């Protein structure tokens, strides 16, 4: 017989795993008793103040006017109105006062002094005699004096005219007729018209001459444009 070997198998003992459950233990909550505190406020009658209600009195417009005029405010208002009125009058008065001083110096002649003065009462124009050194001409007729610019035209302001049977030198005519001294009231407005007053700083001394006898045809002209300084 065959000998059989006996084989022993040894098995390791199986360990049983134990699972431990964690449990949280809640602490007991202490209940707090809510206390309600009631306070009684005792108000004594003596501490209550009586409030007096005043009646609103209606003030009439007449009473307001009396109160206003009895106060110093109207004096200030009147004083301010007077000052403003004086300032306005002074501005208007000073704007009307005007002085121009002019002269002419050129190759064909000169004029020493020309004055123009205007204010709210009187208007004045003054010009010394002009001297002429240009070409001499014999004239039978002339218009000589001062003109102001109106666009491209010259409008007469202070002018003298003449006709002769015998020809006269233009130098003599200018020497004898170029002096002017004119004054007139502002109410007159003969020469110092509203249109002229606006353009007195643009004057020309002009001679329109006729070299043909008994002819009104102007065939010779002398023109001195005046330079002015506005003083006031």
C-alpha atoms as a PDB file:
ATOM      1  CA  UNK A   1       0.000   0.000   0.000  1.00  0.00           C
ATOM      2  CA  UNK A   2       1.096   3.267  -0.778  1.00  0.00           C
ATOM      3  CA  UNK A   3       1.717   5.510   2.053  1.00  0.00           C
ATOM      4  CA  UNK A   4      -0.288   8.598   1.725  1.00  0.00           C
ATOM      5  CA  UNK A   5       1.156  11.751   3.008  1.00  0.00           C
ATOM      6  CA  UNK A   6      -1.056  13.606   5.060  1.00  0.00           C
ATOM      7  CA  UNK A   7      -0.989  17.258   4.444  1.00  0.00           C
ATOM      8  CA  UNK A   8      -2.310  19.479   7.015  1.00  0.00           C
ATOM      9  CA  UNK A   9      -3.559  22.798   5.995  1.00  0.00           C
ATOM     10  CA  UNK A  10      -3.683  25.355   8.625  1.00  0.00           C
ATOM     11  CA  UNK A  11      -6.023  28.242   8.063  1.00  0.00           C
ATOM     12  CA  UNK A  12      -5.523  31.509   9.788  1.00  0.00           C
ATOM     13  CA  UNK A  13      -8.349  32.508  11.929  1.00  0.00           C
ATOM     14  CA  UNK A  14     -10.438  35.194  10.321  1.00  0.00           C
ATOM     15  CA  UNK A  15     -10.524  38.308  12.370  1.00  0.00           C
ATOM     16  CA  UNK A  16     -13.833  39.907  12.602  1.00  0.00           C
ATOM     17  CA  UNK A  17     -13.736  43.640  12.117  1.00  0.00           C
ATOM     18  CA  UNK A  18     -15.790  45.567  14.468  1.00  0.00           C
ATOM     19  CA  UNK A  19     -17.171  48.891  13.342  1.00  0.00           C
ATOM     20  CA  UNK A  20     -17.683  51.454  15.973  1.00  0.00           C
ATOM     21  CA  UNK A  21     -20.404  53.992  15.321  1.00  0.00           C
ATOM     22  CA  UNK A  22     -19.666  57.466  16.508  1.00  0.00           C
ATOM     23  CA  UNK A  23     -22.541  59.012  18.203  1.00  0.00           C
ATOM     24  CA  UNK A  24     -22.678  62.650  19.157  1.00  0.00           C
ATOM     25  CA  UNK A  25     -24.224  63.340  22.419  1.00  0.00           C
ATOM     26  CA  UNK A  26     -26.202  66.551  22.516  1.00  0.00           C
ATOM     27  CA  UNK A  27     -25.824  68.604  25.562  1.00  0.00           C
ATOM     28  CA  UNK A  28     -29.027  69.350  27.205  1.00  0.00           C
ATOM     29  CA  UNK A  29     -30.245  72.869  26.391  1.00  0.00           C
ATOM     30  CA  UNK A  30     -31.151  74.876  29.352  1.00  0.00           C
ATOM     31  CA  UNK A  31     -34.362  76.680  28.928  1.00  0.00           C
ATOM     32  CA  UNK A  32     -34.259  80.244  30.082  1.00  0.00           C
ATOM     33  CA  UNK A  33     -37.394  81.596  31.348  1.00  0.00           C
ATOM     34  CA  UNK A  34     -38.346  84.862  29.710  1.00  0.00           C
ATOM     35  CA  UNK A  35     -39.065  87.487  32.184  1.00  0.00           C
ATOM     36  CA  UNK A  36     -41.221  90.410  31.194  1.00  0.00           C
ATOM     37  CA  UNK A  37     -40.560  93.524  33.109  1.00  0.00           C
ATOM     38  CA  UNK A  38     -43.352  95.959  33.120  1.00  0.00           C
ATOM     39  CA  UNK A  39     -42.681  99.414  34.365  1.00  0.00           C
ATOM     40  CA  UNK A  40     -45.402 101.707  35.169  1.00  0.00           C
ATOM     41  CA  UNK A  41     -44.746 105.409  34.672  1.00  0.00           C
ATOM     42  CA  UNK A  42     -46.691 107.514  36.937  1.00  0.00           C
ATOM     43  CA  UNK A  43     -47.305 111.000  35.640  1.00  0.00           C
ATOM     44  CA  UNK A  44     -48.451 113.473  38.088  1.00  0.00           C
ATOM     45  CA  UNK A  45     -50.944 116.042  37.036  1.00  0.00           C
ATOM     46  CA  UNK A  46     -48.717 118.738  38.414  1.00  0.00           C
ATOM     47  CA  UNK A  47     -46.013 117.895  35.844  1.00  0.00           C
ATOM     48  CA  UNK A  48     -48.269 118.424  32.838  1.00  0.00           C
ATOM     49  CA  UNK A  49     -47.807 121.900  31.405  1.00  0.00           C
ATOM     50  CA  UNK A  50     -50.688 123.565  29.793  1.00  0.00           C
ATOM     51  CA  UNK A  51     -50.001 124.717  26.239  1.00  0.00           C
ATOM     52  CA  UNK A  52     -51.645 127.907  25.300  1.00  0.00           C
ATOM     53  CA  UNK A  53     -52.717 128.153  21.655  1.00  0.00           C
ATOM     54  CA  UNK A  54     -52.424 131.638  20.283  1.00  0.00           C
ATOM     55  CA  UNK A  55     -54.897 132.775  17.728  1.00  0.00           C
ATOM     56  CA  UNK A  56     -53.341 133.874  14.371  1.00  0.00           C
ATOM     57  CA  UNK A  57     -54.335 137.397  13.700  1.00  0.00           C
ATOM     58  CA  UNK A  58     -54.959 138.332  10.065  1.00  0.00           C
ATOM     59  CA  UNK A  59     -53.023 141.444   8.969  1.00  0.00           C
ATOM     60  CA  UNK A  60     -54.671 143.526   6.278  1.00  0.00           C
ATOM     61  CA  UNK A  61     -52.817 144.938   3.250  1.00  0.00           C
ATOM     62  CA  UNK A  62     -53.406 148.445   4.578  1.00  0.00           C
ATOM     63  CA  UNK A  63     -51.689 147.585   7.841  1.00  0.00           C
ATOM     64  CA  UNK A  64     -48.758 146.077   5.919  1.00  0.00           C
ATOM     65  CA  UNK A  65     -48.358 149.305   3.965  1.00  0.00           C
ATOM     66  CA  UNK A  66     -48.415 151.350   7.155  1.00  0.00           C
ATOM     67  CA  UNK A  67     -45.796 149.086   8.696  1.00  0.00           C
ATOM     68  CA  UNK A  68     -43.623 149.317   5.569  1.00  0.00           C
ATOM     69  CA  UNK A  69     -43.732 153.114   5.340  1.00  0.00           C
ATOM     70  CA  UNK A  70     -43.113 153.494   9.054  1.00  0.00           C
ATOM     71  CA  UNK A  71     -39.883 151.503   8.641  1.00  0.00           C
ATOM     72  CA  UNK A  72     -36.599 152.919   7.198  1.00  0.00           C
ATOM     73  CA  UNK A  73     -36.828 150.687   4.115  1.00  0.00           C
ATOM     74  CA  UNK A  74     -38.685 153.215   1.898  1.00  0.00           C
ATOM     75  CA  UNK A  75     -35.908 155.755   2.450  1.00  0.00           C
ATOM     76  CA  UNK A  76     -33.315 153.290   1.190  1.00  0.00           C
ATOM     77  CA  UNK A  77     -35.461 152.456  -1.843  1.00  0.00           C
ATOM     78  CA  UNK A  78     -35.960 156.127  -2.721  1.00  0.00           C
ATOM     79  CA  UNK A  79     -32.258 156.810  -2.178  1.00  0.00           C
ATOM     80  CA  UNK A  80     -31.270 153.979  -4.540  1.00  0.00           C
ATOM     81  CA  UNK A  81     -33.739 155.178  -7.213  1.00  0.00           C
ATOM     82  CA  UNK A  82     -32.307 158.714  -7.033  1.00  0.00           C
ATOM     83  CA  UNK A  83     -28.728 157.425  -7.395  1.00  0.00           C
ATOM     84  CA  UNK A  84     -29.656 155.249 -10.384  1.00  0.00           C
ATOM     85  CA  UNK A  85     -31.480 158.175 -12.001  1.00  0.00           C
ATOM     86  CA  UNK A  86     -28.467 160.469 -11.571  1.00  0.00           C
ATOM     87  CA  UNK A  87     -26.121 157.848 -12.991  1.00  0.00           C
ATOM     88  CA  UNK A  88     -28.360 157.341 -16.018  1.00  0.00           C
ATOM     89  CA  UNK A  89     -28.625 161.096 -16.604  1.00  0.00           C
ATOM     90  CA  UNK A  90     -24.858 161.523 -16.242  1.00  0.00           C
ATOM     91  CA  UNK A  91     -24.165 158.743 -18.758  1.00  0.00           C
ATOM     92  CA  UNK A  92     -26.593 160.204 -21.291  1.00  0.00           C
ATOM     93  CA  UNK A  93     -25.243 163.710 -20.704  1.00  0.00           C
ATOM     94  CA  UNK A  94     -21.597 162.702 -21.085  1.00  0.00           C
ATOM     95  CA  UNK A  95     -22.322 160.645 -24.208  1.00  0.00           C
ATOM     96  CA  UNK A  96     -23.710 163.753 -25.895  1.00  0.00           C
ATOM     97  CA  UNK A  97     -20.583 165.818 -25.164  1.00  0.00           C
ATOM     98  CA  UNK A  98     -18.159 165.405 -28.048  1.00  0.00           C
ATOM     99  CA  UNK A  99     -14.990 167.219 -29.110  1.00  0.00           C
ATOM    100  CA  UNK A 100     -13.088 166.496 -32.315  1.00  0.00           C
ATOM    101  CA  UNK A 101      -9.778 168.095 -33.262  1.00  0.00           C
ATOM    102  CA  UNK A 102      -8.539 167.694 -36.832  1.00  0.00           C
ATOM    103  CA  UNK A 103      -5.972 168.965 -39.330  1.00  0.00           C
ATOM    104  CA  UNK A 104      -4.623 168.342 -42.814  1.00  0.00           C
ATOM    105  CA  UNK A 105      -1.062 168.266 -44.123  1.00  0.00           C
ATOM    106  CA  UNK A 106      -0.435 167.239 -47.750  1.00  0.00           C
ATOM    107  CA  UNK A 107       1.629 167.914 -50.850  1.00  0.00           C
ATOM    108  CA  UNK A 108      -0.953 170.336 -52.277  1.00  0.00           C
ATOM    109  CA  UNK A 109      -1.792 172.302 -49.118  1.00  0.00           C
ATOM    110  CA  UNK A 110      -2.567 172.281 -45.398  1.00  0.00           C
ATOM    111  CA  UNK A 111      -5.156 173.238 -42.763  1.00  0.00           C
ATOM    112  CA  UNK A 112      -3.844 174.099 -39.324  1.00  0.00           C
ATOM    113  CA  UNK A 113      -6.771 173.495 -36.971  1.00  0.00           C
ATOM    114  CA  UNK A 114     -10.335 172.208 -37.139  1.00  0.00           C
ATOM    115  CA  UNK A 115     -12.495 171.961 -34.021  1.00  0.00           C
ATOM    116  CA  UNK A 116     -15.922 170.362 -33.643  1.00  0.00           C
ATOM    117  CA  UNK A 117     -17.758 170.652 -30.337  1.00  0.00           C
ATOM    118  CA  UNK A 118     -21.231 169.320 -29.562  1.00  0.00           C
ATOM    119  CA  UNK A 119     -23.227 169.014 -26.360  1.00  0.00           C
ATOM    120  CA  UNK A 120     -26.835 169.049 -25.219  1.00  0.00           C
ATOM    121  CA  UNK A 121     -27.186 172.828 -25.731  1.00  0.00           C
ATOM    122  CA  UNK A 122     -24.939 174.070 -28.519  1.00  0.00           C
ATOM    123  CA  UNK A 123     -22.970 172.773 -31.507  1.00  0.00           C
ATOM    124  CA  UNK A 124     -19.850 174.501 -32.837  1.00  0.00           C
ATOM    125  CA  UNK A 125     -17.580 174.140 -35.862  1.00  0.00           C
ATOM    126  CA  UNK A 126     -14.317 176.051 -36.298  1.00  0.00           C
ATOM    127  CA  UNK A 127     -11.683 175.805 -39.059  1.00  0.00           C
ATOM    128  CA  UNK A 128      -8.706 178.021 -39.794  1.00  0.00           C
ATOM    129  CA  UNK A 129      -8.042 179.170 -43.390  1.00  0.00           C
ATOM    130  CA  UNK A 130      -6.530 176.565 -45.679  1.00  0.00           C
ATOM    131  CA  UNK A 131      -3.408 177.091 -47.763  1.00  0.00           C
ATOM    132  CA  UNK A 132      -3.176 175.725 -51.312  1.00  0.00           C
ATOM    133  CA  UNK A 133       0.157 174.939 -52.978  1.00  0.00           C
ATOM    134  CA  UNK A 134      -1.086 172.801 -55.888  1.00  0.00           C
ATOM    135  CA  UNK A 135      -1.661 173.696 -59.527  1.00  0.00           C
ATOM    136  CA  UNK A 136      -3.200 177.143 -59.897  1.00  0.00           C
ATOM    137  CA  UNK A 137      -6.403 177.441 -61.889  1.00  0.00           C
ATOM    138  CA  UNK A 138      -8.604 180.342 -62.935  1.00  0.00           C
ATOM    139  CA  UNK A 139     -12.175 179.689 -61.889  1.00  0.00           C
ATOM    140  CA  UNK A 140     -15.470 181.312 -62.894  1.00  0.00           C
ATOM    141  CA  UNK A 141     -17.491 179.424 -60.321  1.00  0.00           C
ATOM    142  CA  UNK A 142     -16.880 177.404 -57.154  1.00  0.00           C
ATOM    143  CA  UNK A 143     -18.355 175.489 -54.238  1.00  0.00           C
ATOM    144  CA  UNK A 144     -15.904 175.491 -51.323  1.00  0.00           C
ATOM    145  CA  UNK A 145     -16.174 174.097 -47.813  1.00  0.00           C
ATOM    146  CA  UNK A 146     -16.596 170.972 -45.726  1.00  0.00           C
ATOM    147  CA  UNK A 147     -18.428 167.791 -46.693  1.00  0.00           C
ATOM    148  CA  UNK A 148     -19.023 164.538 -44.779  1.00  0.00           C
ATOM    149  CA  UNK A 149     -18.941 161.043 -46.215  1.00  0.00           C
ATOM    150  CA  UNK A 150     -22.216 159.315 -47.050  1.00  0.00           C
ATOM    151  CA  UNK A 151     -21.211 156.016 -48.574  1.00  0.00           C
ATOM    152  CA  UNK A 152     -19.235 156.917 -51.695  1.00  0.00           C
ATOM    153  CA  UNK A 153     -20.710 160.421 -51.900  1.00  0.00           C
ATOM    154  CA  UNK A 154     -19.799 163.671 -50.157  1.00  0.00           C
ATOM    155  CA  UNK A 155     -22.672 165.569 -48.542  1.00  0.00           C
ATOM    156  CA  UNK A 156     -22.273 169.345 -47.892  1.00  0.00           C
ATOM    157  CA  UNK A 157     -21.928 170.360 -44.226  1.00  0.00           C
ATOM    158  CA  UNK A 158     -20.568 173.941 -44.307  1.00  0.00           C
ATOM    159  CA  UNK A 159     -20.194 175.278 -47.860  1.00  0.00           C
ATOM    160  CA  UNK A 160     -19.896 178.623 -49.683  1.00  0.00           C
ATOM    161  CA  UNK A 161     -20.611 179.133 -53.376  1.00  0.00           C
ATOM    162  CA  UNK A 162     -19.835 181.859 -55.914  1.00  0.00           C
ATOM    163  CA  UNK A 163     -19.849 182.828 -59.612  1.00  0.00           C
ATOM    164  CA  UNK A 164     -17.712 185.490 -61.262  1.00  0.00           C
ATOM    165  CA  UNK A 165     -17.700 187.269 -64.618  1.00  0.00           C
ATOM    166  CA  UNK A 166     -13.940 187.425 -64.417  1.00  0.00           C
ATOM    167  CA  UNK A 167     -11.812 184.376 -63.642  1.00  0.00           C
ATOM    168  CA  UNK A 168     -10.200 184.295 -60.189  1.00  0.00           C
ATOM    169  CA  UNK A 169      -7.229 182.248 -58.987  1.00  0.00           C
ATOM    170  CA  UNK A 170      -8.168 179.171 -56.985  1.00  0.00           C
ATOM    171  CA  UNK A 171      -5.451 180.083 -54.460  1.00  0.00           C
ATOM    172  CA  UNK A 172      -7.182 183.397 -53.806  1.00  0.00           C
ATOM    173  CA  UNK A 173     -10.611 181.750 -53.544  1.00  0.00           C
ATOM    174  CA  UNK A 174      -9.311 179.238 -50.983  1.00  0.00           C
ATOM    175  CA  UNK A 175      -7.473 181.872 -48.934  1.00  0.00           C
ATOM    176  CA  UNK A 176     -10.589 184.091 -48.712  1.00  0.00           C
ATOM    177  CA  UNK A 177     -13.336 181.461 -48.278  1.00  0.00           C
ATOM    178  CA  UNK A 178     -11.884 178.520 -46.321  1.00  0.00           C
ATOM    179  CA  UNK A 179     -12.236 180.030 -42.824  1.00  0.00           C
ATOM    180  CA  UNK A 180     -15.337 178.856 -40.887  1.00  0.00           C
ATOM    181  CA  UNK A 181     -16.724 179.632 -37.451  1.00  0.00           C
ATOM    182  CA  UNK A 182     -20.252 178.264 -37.044  1.00  0.00           C
ATOM    183  CA  UNK A 183     -22.398 177.715 -33.962  1.00  0.00           C
ATOM    184  CA  UNK A 184     -26.054 176.834 -33.573  1.00  0.00           C
ATOM    185  CA  UNK A 185     -28.450 175.554 -30.919  1.00  0.00           C
ATOM    186  CA  UNK A 186     -29.058 171.834 -30.840  1.00  0.00           C
ATOM    187  CA  UNK A 187     -32.776 172.464 -31.376  1.00  0.00           C
ATOM    188  CA  UNK A 188     -32.016 174.215 -34.676  1.00  0.00           C
ATOM    189  CA  UNK A 189     -30.488 171.241 -36.528  1.00  0.00           C
ATOM    190  CA  UNK A 190     -29.747 173.373 -39.571  1.00  0.00           C
ATOM    191  CA  UNK A 191     -26.223 172.132 -40.286  1.00  0.00           C
ATOM    192  CA  UNK A 192     -25.822 169.787 -37.314  1.00  0.00           C
ATOM    193  CA  UNK A 193     -28.488 167.337 -38.408  1.00  0.00           C
ATOM    194  CA  UNK A 194     -28.776 163.880 -36.851  1.00  0.00           C
ATOM    195  CA  UNK A 195     -27.139 162.351 -39.915  1.00  0.00           C
ATOM    196  CA  UNK A 196     -24.275 164.865 -39.896  1.00  0.00           C
ATOM    197  CA  UNK A 197     -23.687 164.402 -36.153  1.00  0.00           C
ATOM    198  CA  UNK A 198     -22.949 160.714 -36.698  1.00  0.00           C
ATOM    199  CA  UNK A 199     -20.319 161.439 -39.397  1.00  0.00           C
ATOM    200  CA  UNK A 200     -18.560 164.630 -38.355  1.00  0.00           C
ATOM    201  CA  UNK A 201     -15.334 162.685 -37.819  1.00  0.00           C
ATOM    202  CA  UNK A 202     -15.214 161.928 -41.561  1.00  0.00           C
ATOM    203  CA  UNK A 203     -14.997 165.416 -43.075  1.00  0.00           C
ATOM    204  CA  UNK A 204     -13.362 166.564 -46.315  1.00  0.00           C
ATOM    205  CA  UNK A 205     -12.350 170.075 -47.308  1.00  0.00           C
ATOM    206  CA  UNK A 206     -13.336 170.281 -50.988  1.00  0.00           C
ATOM    207  CA  UNK A 207     -13.297 172.842 -53.787  1.00  0.00           C
ATOM    208  CA  UNK A 208     -15.456 172.145 -56.848  1.00  0.00           C
ATOM    209  CA  UNK A 209     -14.395 174.590 -59.589  1.00  0.00           C
ATOM    210  CA  UNK A 210     -15.676 175.576 -63.056  1.00  0.00           C
ATOM    211  CA  UNK A 211     -13.026 176.853 -65.416  1.00  0.00           C
ATOM    212  CA  UNK A 212     -15.557 177.788 -68.147  1.00  0.00           C
ATOM    213  CA  UNK A 213     -17.479 181.062 -67.969  1.00  0.00           C
ATOM    214  CA  UNK A 214     -21.230 180.827 -67.412  1.00  0.00           C
ATOM    215  CA  UNK A 215     -20.951 177.078 -66.931  1.00  0.00           C
ATOM    216  CA  UNK A 216     -22.054 174.893 -64.053  1.00  0.00           C
ATOM    217  CA  UNK A 217     -19.833 172.061 -65.189  1.00  0.00           C
ATOM    218  CA  UNK A 218     -17.287 171.121 -62.482  1.00  0.00           C
ATOM    219  CA  UNK A 219     -14.000 170.385 -64.195  1.00  0.00           C
ATOM    220  CA  UNK A 220     -11.530 170.959 -61.369  1.00  0.00           C
ATOM    221  CA  UNK A 221     -11.601 169.480 -57.855  1.00  0.00           C
ATOM    222  CA  UNK A 222      -9.442 169.909 -54.745  1.00  0.00           C
ATOM    223  CA  UNK A 223     -10.006 167.392 -51.907  1.00  0.00           C
ATOM    224  CA  UNK A 224      -8.369 167.491 -48.448  1.00  0.00           C
ATOM    225  CA  UNK A 225      -9.457 164.494 -46.284  1.00  0.00           C
ATOM    226  CA  UNK A 226      -9.280 165.583 -42.630  1.00  0.00           C
ATOM    227  CA  UNK A 227      -7.808 163.413 -39.876  1.00  0.00           C
ATOM    228  CA  UNK A 228      -9.599 163.770 -36.555  1.00  0.00           C
ATOM    229  CA  UNK A 229      -8.806 162.874 -32.965  1.00  0.00           C
ATOM    230  CA  UNK A 230     -11.792 162.164 -30.715  1.00  0.00           C
ATOM    231  CA  UNK A 231     -11.020 163.971 -27.449  1.00  0.00           C
ATOM    232  CA  UNK A 232     -14.251 163.385 -25.512  1.00  0.00           C
END
